[in-house]
Amino acid sequence: MKNKDDLTKQAEKILELAKDRGVQGNFFFETTFKRYMVQIQTLDTLEQAIFEHGATVTKEYVKGRQNLVVNPAITEYNKTSTAANGTVSTLINILKSLTDETAGNSKLQSFLDAMNDEK
């Protein structure tokens, strides 16, 4: 697990890159980046729970019977990891769409321009 300060510095570098490319204030970038940061925090919390409780936990049923089961944090960790991977792919696509294509040729930029024209 990376040091939180290292992750914060990397997040700041991503925001600086976005600022340099002129997309930091973009609604889609901002909301997707925020979502990604929440997912990373969630993964960190789930990872701590897995290390604290282990791969298996004891589940107690109504009548007091106990059973050894897989730690539910593992399942949630895997789901959140998959979601975070999708979110980072979306972030990359947003950056590419808004910066790699020339202005006016980007479908996303055209959509945003059309939204601004309607105001």
N, C-alpha and C. Protein backbone atom coordinates (compact mmCIF):
# COMPACT_ATOMS: atom_id res chain seq x y z
N MET A 1 0.85 -1.17 0.00
CA MET A 1 0.00 0.00 0.00
C MET A 1 0.90 1.24 0.00
N LYS A 2 0.55 2.18 -0.86
CA LYS A 2 1.32 3.41 -0.96
C LYS A 2 1.02 4.32 0.22
N ASN A 3 2.00 5.14 0.51
CA ASN A 3 1.85 6.17 1.53
C ASN A 3 0.78 7.15 1.07
N LYS A 4 -0.09 7.59 2.00
CA LYS A 4 -1.17 8.53 1.64
C LYS A 4 -0.61 9.83 1.05
N ASP A 5 0.53 10.29 1.57
CA ASP A 5 1.14 11.51 1.04
C ASP A 5 1.55 11.33 -0.41
N ASP A 6 2.08 10.14 -0.75
CA ASP A 6 2.46 9.85 -2.13
C ASP A 6 1.24 9.89 -3.05
N LEU A 7 0.14 9.28 -2.59
CA LEU A 7 -1.08 9.27 -3.39
C LEU A 7 -1.65 10.67 -3.56
N THR A 8 -1.58 11.46 -2.49
CA THR A 8 -2.06 12.84 -2.57
C THR A 8 -1.22 13.64 -3.57
N LYS A 9 0.09 13.45 -3.54
CA LYS A 9 0.97 14.14 -4.48
C LYS A 9 0.66 13.72 -5.92
N GLN A 10 0.40 12.44 -6.12
CA GLN A 10 0.07 11.96 -7.46
C GLN A 10 -1.26 12.55 -7.93
N ALA A 11 -2.24 12.64 -7.03
CA ALA A 11 -3.53 13.24 -7.38
C ALA A 11 -3.34 14.71 -7.75
N GLU A 12 -2.50 15.41 -7.01
CA GLU A 12 -2.22 16.81 -7.31
C GLU A 12 -1.55 16.95 -8.68
N LYS A 13 -0.68 16.01 -9.03
CA LYS A 13 -0.03 16.03 -10.34
C LYS A 13 -1.05 15.82 -11.46
N ILE A 14 -2.01 14.94 -11.21
CA ILE A 14 -3.07 14.71 -12.21
C ILE A 14 -3.88 15.99 -12.40
N LEU A 15 -4.22 16.65 -11.29
CA LEU A 15 -4.97 17.90 -11.38
C LEU A 15 -4.17 18.98 -12.09
N GLU A 16 -2.86 19.00 -11.85
CA GLU A 16 -2.00 19.97 -12.53
C GLU A 16 -1.95 19.69 -14.04
N LEU A 17 -1.87 18.42 -14.40
CA LEU A 17 -1.90 18.03 -15.81
C LEU A 17 -3.22 18.45 -16.45
N ALA A 18 -4.31 18.22 -15.72
CA ALA A 18 -5.64 18.61 -16.23
C ALA A 18 -5.71 20.12 -16.40
N LYS A 19 -5.15 20.85 -15.45
CA LYS A 19 -5.14 22.31 -15.54
C LYS A 19 -4.33 22.76 -16.76
N ASP A 20 -3.16 22.14 -16.95
CA ASP A 20 -2.31 22.48 -18.10
C ASP A 20 -3.01 22.22 -19.42
N ARG A 21 -3.85 21.20 -19.44
CA ARG A 21 -4.58 20.84 -20.66
C ARG A 21 -5.92 21.57 -20.77
N GLY A 22 -6.23 22.36 -19.76
CA GLY A 22 -7.45 23.16 -19.81
C GLY A 22 -8.73 22.41 -19.52
N VAL A 23 -8.66 21.27 -18.84
CA VAL A 23 -9.87 20.50 -18.56
C VAL A 23 -10.21 20.41 -17.07
N GLN A 24 -9.40 21.03 -16.21
CA GLN A 24 -9.62 20.90 -14.78
C GLN A 24 -11.00 21.38 -14.37
N GLY A 25 -11.51 22.44 -14.97
CA GLY A 25 -12.82 22.96 -14.62
C GLY A 25 -13.97 22.29 -15.35
N ASN A 26 -13.67 21.34 -16.22
CA ASN A 26 -14.70 20.65 -16.99
C ASN A 26 -15.57 19.80 -16.06
N PHE A 27 -16.89 19.92 -16.20
CA PHE A 27 -17.84 19.21 -15.35
C PHE A 27 -17.58 17.71 -15.33
N PHE A 28 -17.42 17.12 -16.52
CA PHE A 28 -17.23 15.67 -16.60
C PHE A 28 -15.93 15.25 -15.93
N PHE A 29 -14.87 16.01 -16.17
CA PHE A 29 -13.59 15.68 -15.54
C PHE A 29 -13.70 15.81 -14.02
N GLU A 30 -14.24 16.94 -13.56
CA GLU A 30 -14.32 17.21 -12.12
C GLU A 30 -15.12 16.14 -11.38
N THR A 31 -16.30 15.81 -11.90
CA THR A 31 -17.15 14.84 -11.20
C THR A 31 -16.56 13.43 -11.26
N THR A 32 -15.95 13.09 -12.38
CA THR A 32 -15.35 11.77 -12.51
C THR A 32 -14.12 11.65 -11.63
N PHE A 33 -13.31 12.70 -11.57
CA PHE A 33 -12.11 12.68 -10.72
C PHE A 33 -12.51 12.58 -9.25
N LYS A 34 -13.55 13.34 -8.85
CA LYS A 34 -14.03 13.28 -7.47
C LYS A 34 -14.51 11.86 -7.13
N ARG A 35 -15.26 11.27 -8.04
CA ARG A 35 -15.74 9.90 -7.84
C ARG A 35 -14.56 8.93 -7.69
N TYR A 36 -13.54 9.11 -8.51
CA TYR A 36 -12.37 8.24 -8.44
C TYR A 36 -11.66 8.38 -7.09
N MET A 37 -11.55 9.59 -6.59
CA MET A 37 -10.89 9.79 -5.30
C MET A 37 -11.68 9.13 -4.16
N VAL A 38 -13.01 9.19 -4.23
CA VAL A 38 -13.84 8.51 -3.23
C VAL A 38 -13.63 7.00 -3.32
N GLN A 39 -13.55 6.48 -4.54
CA GLN A 39 -13.32 5.05 -4.71
C GLN A 39 -11.97 4.64 -4.13
N ILE A 40 -10.95 5.46 -4.32
CA ILE A 40 -9.63 5.15 -3.76
C ILE A 40 -9.69 5.15 -2.24
N GLN A 41 -10.39 6.11 -1.65
CA GLN A 41 -10.54 6.15 -0.18
C GLN A 41 -11.30 4.91 0.31
N THR A 42 -12.33 4.53 -0.42
CA THR A 42 -13.11 3.34 -0.05
C THR A 42 -12.24 2.09 -0.12
N LEU A 43 -11.45 1.98 -1.17
CA LEU A 43 -10.54 0.84 -1.30
C LEU A 43 -9.55 0.79 -0.15
N ASP A 44 -9.05 1.93 0.26
CA ASP A 44 -8.11 2.00 1.38
C ASP A 44 -8.76 1.49 2.66
N THR A 45 -10.00 1.92 2.91
CA THR A 45 -10.73 1.48 4.11
C THR A 45 -11.00 -0.02 4.07
N LEU A 46 -11.42 -0.51 2.90
CA LEU A 46 -11.69 -1.95 2.77
C LEU A 46 -10.41 -2.76 2.92
N GLU A 47 -9.33 -2.25 2.39
CA GLU A 47 -8.04 -2.94 2.51
C GLU A 47 -7.63 -3.05 3.98
N GLN A 48 -7.83 -1.97 4.71
CA GLN A 48 -7.53 -2.00 6.15
C GLN A 48 -8.38 -3.04 6.87
N ALA A 49 -9.66 -3.13 6.51
CA ALA A 49 -10.56 -4.11 7.14
C ALA A 49 -10.12 -5.54 6.82
N ILE A 50 -9.66 -5.75 5.60
CA ILE A 50 -9.19 -7.09 5.22
C ILE A 50 -7.95 -7.46 6.03
N PHE A 51 -7.02 -6.52 6.14
CA PHE A 51 -5.81 -6.80 6.93
C PHE A 51 -6.12 -6.99 8.41
N GLU A 52 -7.07 -6.22 8.92
CA GLU A 52 -7.43 -6.30 10.33
C GLU A 52 -8.15 -7.60 10.67
N HIS A 53 -9.09 -8.02 9.82
CA HIS A 53 -9.93 -9.18 10.14
C HIS A 53 -9.52 -10.45 9.42
N GLY A 54 -8.68 -10.34 8.39
CA GLY A 54 -8.24 -11.52 7.66
C GLY A 54 -9.18 -11.88 6.51
N ALA A 55 -8.84 -12.95 5.83
CA ALA A 55 -9.60 -13.38 4.65
C ALA A 55 -10.93 -14.03 5.02
N THR A 56 -11.01 -14.54 6.24
CA THR A 56 -12.26 -15.17 6.68
C THR A 56 -12.72 -14.53 7.99
N VAL A 57 -14.03 -14.55 8.19
CA VAL A 57 -14.61 -14.04 9.44
C VAL A 57 -15.67 -15.03 9.91
N THR A 58 -16.02 -14.92 11.16
CA THR A 58 -17.06 -15.78 11.72
C THR A 58 -18.39 -15.07 11.64
N LYS A 59 -19.36 -15.76 11.07
CA LYS A 59 -20.71 -15.23 10.96
C LYS A 59 -21.58 -15.99 11.96
N GLU A 60 -22.32 -15.25 12.76
CA GLU A 60 -23.18 -15.90 13.75
C GLU A 60 -24.62 -15.83 13.28
N TYR A 61 -25.27 -16.97 13.28
CA TYR A 61 -26.66 -17.05 12.87
C TYR A 61 -27.58 -16.76 14.05
N VAL A 62 -28.88 -16.66 13.80
CA VAL A 62 -29.87 -16.29 14.80
C VAL A 62 -29.82 -17.20 16.02
N LYS A 63 -29.69 -18.48 15.82
CA LYS A 63 -29.72 -19.42 16.94
C LYS A 63 -28.35 -19.57 17.60
N GLY A 64 -27.41 -18.65 17.29
CA GLY A 64 -26.11 -18.68 17.93
C GLY A 64 -25.09 -19.57 17.24
N ARG A 65 -25.50 -20.23 16.20
CA ARG A 65 -24.58 -21.10 15.46
C ARG A 65 -23.60 -20.23 14.69
N GLN A 66 -22.33 -20.59 14.69
CA GLN A 66 -21.30 -19.83 13.99
C GLN A 66 -20.80 -20.58 12.77
N ASN A 67 -20.41 -19.80 11.78
CA ASN A 67 -19.91 -20.39 10.55
C ASN A 67 -18.77 -19.50 10.04
N LEU A 68 -17.74 -20.11 9.51
CA LEU A 68 -16.61 -19.38 8.95
C LEU A 68 -16.92 -19.03 7.49
N VAL A 69 -16.85 -17.74 7.14
CA VAL A 69 -17.17 -17.29 5.79
C VAL A 69 -16.07 -16.36 5.29
N VAL A 70 -16.05 -16.16 3.98
CA VAL A 70 -15.11 -15.22 3.38
C VAL A 70 -15.47 -13.81 3.87
N ASN A 71 -14.46 -13.05 4.19
CA ASN A 71 -14.65 -11.68 4.65
C ASN A 71 -15.40 -10.89 3.57
N PRO A 72 -16.57 -10.33 3.87
CA PRO A 72 -17.33 -9.59 2.87
C PRO A 72 -16.58 -8.36 2.33
N ALA A 73 -15.59 -7.89 3.08
CA ALA A 73 -14.81 -6.75 2.60
C ALA A 73 -14.04 -7.11 1.33
N ILE A 74 -13.70 -8.38 1.17
CA ILE A 74 -12.98 -8.81 -0.04
C ILE A 74 -13.86 -8.65 -1.27
N THR A 75 -15.11 -9.07 -1.16
CA THR A 75 -16.05 -8.94 -2.29
C THR A 75 -16.26 -7.47 -2.63
N GLU A 76 -16.46 -6.65 -1.61
CA GLU A 76 -16.67 -5.21 -1.84
C GLU A 76 -15.41 -4.55 -2.40
N TYR A 77 -14.26 -5.00 -1.94
CA TYR A 77 -12.99 -4.48 -2.45
C TYR A 77 -12.87 -4.78 -3.94
N ASN A 78 -13.19 -6.00 -4.32
CA ASN A 78 -13.11 -6.38 -5.73
C ASN A 78 -14.11 -5.58 -6.58
N LYS A 79 -15.32 -5.39 -6.09
CA LYS A 79 -16.32 -4.60 -6.83
C LYS A 79 -15.86 -3.16 -6.99
N THR A 80 -15.35 -2.59 -5.91
CA THR A 80 -14.90 -1.20 -5.95
C THR A 80 -13.67 -1.05 -6.83
N SER A 81 -12.79 -2.04 -6.82
CA SER A 81 -11.61 -2.02 -7.71
C SER A 81 -12.04 -2.00 -9.16
N THR A 82 -13.00 -2.83 -9.50
CA THR A 82 -13.51 -2.88 -10.87
C THR A 82 -14.13 -1.54 -11.26
N ALA A 83 -14.90 -0.97 -10.35
CA ALA A 83 -15.52 0.34 -10.61
C ALA A 83 -14.46 1.42 -10.77
N ALA A 84 -13.44 1.40 -9.91
CA ALA A 84 -12.37 2.40 -9.98
C ALA A 84 -11.60 2.27 -11.29
N ASN A 85 -11.38 1.05 -11.75
CA ASN A 85 -10.70 0.85 -13.04
C ASN A 85 -11.52 1.45 -14.17
N GLY A 86 -12.82 1.28 -14.11
CA GLY A 86 -13.70 1.88 -15.12
C GLY A 86 -13.69 3.40 -15.04
N THR A 87 -13.65 3.92 -13.83
CA THR A 87 -13.64 5.36 -13.64
C THR A 87 -12.35 5.98 -14.17
N VAL A 88 -11.23 5.33 -13.91
CA VAL A 88 -9.96 5.88 -14.41
C VAL A 88 -9.91 5.79 -15.93
N SER A 89 -10.50 4.77 -16.52
CA SER A 89 -10.59 4.69 -17.98
C SER A 89 -11.41 5.85 -18.53
N THR A 90 -12.49 6.17 -17.83
CA THR A 90 -13.32 7.30 -18.23
C THR A 90 -12.54 8.61 -18.12
N LEU A 91 -11.78 8.77 -17.04
CA LEU A 91 -10.96 9.97 -16.89
C LEU A 91 -9.96 10.11 -18.05
N ILE A 92 -9.33 9.02 -18.40
CA ILE A 92 -8.37 9.04 -19.51
C ILE A 92 -9.07 9.42 -20.80
N ASN A 93 -10.24 8.84 -21.03
CA ASN A 93 -11.00 9.17 -22.24
C ASN A 93 -11.41 10.64 -22.27
N ILE A 94 -11.80 11.18 -21.13
CA ILE A 94 -12.16 12.60 -21.07
C ILE A 94 -10.95 13.45 -21.43
N LEU A 95 -9.81 13.14 -20.82
CA LEU A 95 -8.60 13.90 -21.12
C LEU A 95 -8.24 13.81 -22.59
N LYS A 96 -8.30 12.61 -23.14
CA LYS A 96 -7.97 12.44 -24.56
C LYS A 96 -8.96 13.17 -25.45
N SER A 97 -10.23 13.03 -25.14
CA SER A 97 -11.27 13.62 -25.97
C SER A 97 -11.17 15.14 -26.00
N LEU A 98 -10.85 15.73 -24.87
CA LEU A 98 -10.82 17.19 -24.80
C LEU A 98 -9.47 17.79 -25.19
N THR A 99 -8.41 16.98 -25.21
CA THR A 99 -7.10 17.56 -25.48
C THR A 99 -6.43 17.06 -26.75
N ASP A 100 -6.65 15.80 -27.13
CA ASP A 100 -5.97 15.24 -28.29
C ASP A 100 -6.56 15.71 -29.61
N GLU A 101 -7.87 15.89 -29.62
CA GLU A 101 -8.53 16.31 -30.85
C GLU A 101 -8.49 17.83 -30.95
N THR A 102 -8.48 18.33 -32.15
CA THR A 102 -8.48 19.78 -32.31
C THR A 102 -9.83 20.33 -31.90
N ALA A 103 -9.84 21.55 -31.41
CA ALA A 103 -11.08 22.18 -30.98
C ALA A 103 -12.07 22.19 -32.14
N GLY A 104 -13.30 21.85 -31.84
CA GLY A 104 -14.34 21.80 -32.87
C GLY A 104 -14.50 20.41 -33.47
N ASN A 105 -13.46 19.59 -33.41
CA ASN A 105 -13.56 18.22 -33.94
C ASN A 105 -13.90 17.21 -32.85
N SER A 106 -13.75 17.61 -31.61
CA SER A 106 -14.04 16.72 -30.50
C SER A 106 -15.55 16.61 -30.32
N LYS A 107 -16.08 15.41 -30.32
CA LYS A 107 -17.51 15.20 -30.12
C LYS A 107 -17.94 15.71 -28.75
N LEU A 108 -17.11 15.44 -27.73
CA LEU A 108 -17.43 15.90 -26.39
C LEU A 108 -17.40 17.43 -26.33
N GLN A 109 -16.39 18.04 -26.94
CA GLN A 109 -16.31 19.50 -26.93
C GLN A 109 -17.48 20.10 -27.70
N SER A 110 -17.88 19.49 -28.81
CA SER A 110 -19.04 19.97 -29.57
C SER A 110 -20.30 19.91 -28.73
N PHE A 111 -20.46 18.83 -27.98
CA PHE A 111 -21.60 18.68 -27.10
C PHE A 111 -21.61 19.77 -26.04
N LEU A 112 -20.44 20.02 -25.42
CA LEU A 112 -20.35 21.04 -24.40
C LEU A 112 -20.64 22.43 -24.99
N ASP A 113 -20.11 22.69 -26.18
CA ASP A 113 -20.36 23.97 -26.84
C ASP A 113 -21.85 24.14 -27.12
N ALA A 114 -22.50 23.09 -27.55
CA ALA A 114 -23.94 23.16 -27.83
C ALA A 114 -24.73 23.44 -26.55
N MET A 115 -24.31 22.86 -25.45
CA MET A 115 -24.97 23.11 -24.16
C MET A 115 -24.82 24.57 -23.79
N ASN A 116 -23.64 25.14 -24.01
CA ASN A 116 -23.39 26.54 -23.67
C ASN A 116 -24.19 27.46 -24.58
N ASP A 117 -24.39 27.07 -25.83
CA ASP A 117 -25.16 27.88 -26.77
C ASP A 117 -26.63 27.97 -26.37
N GLU A 118 -27.14 26.94 -25.70
CA GLU A 118 -28.55 26.90 -25.30
C GLU A 118 -28.84 27.81 -24.12
N LYS A 119 -27.83 28.25 -23.39
CA LYS A 119 -28.04 29.08 -22.20
C LYS A 119 -28.52 30.44 -22.53
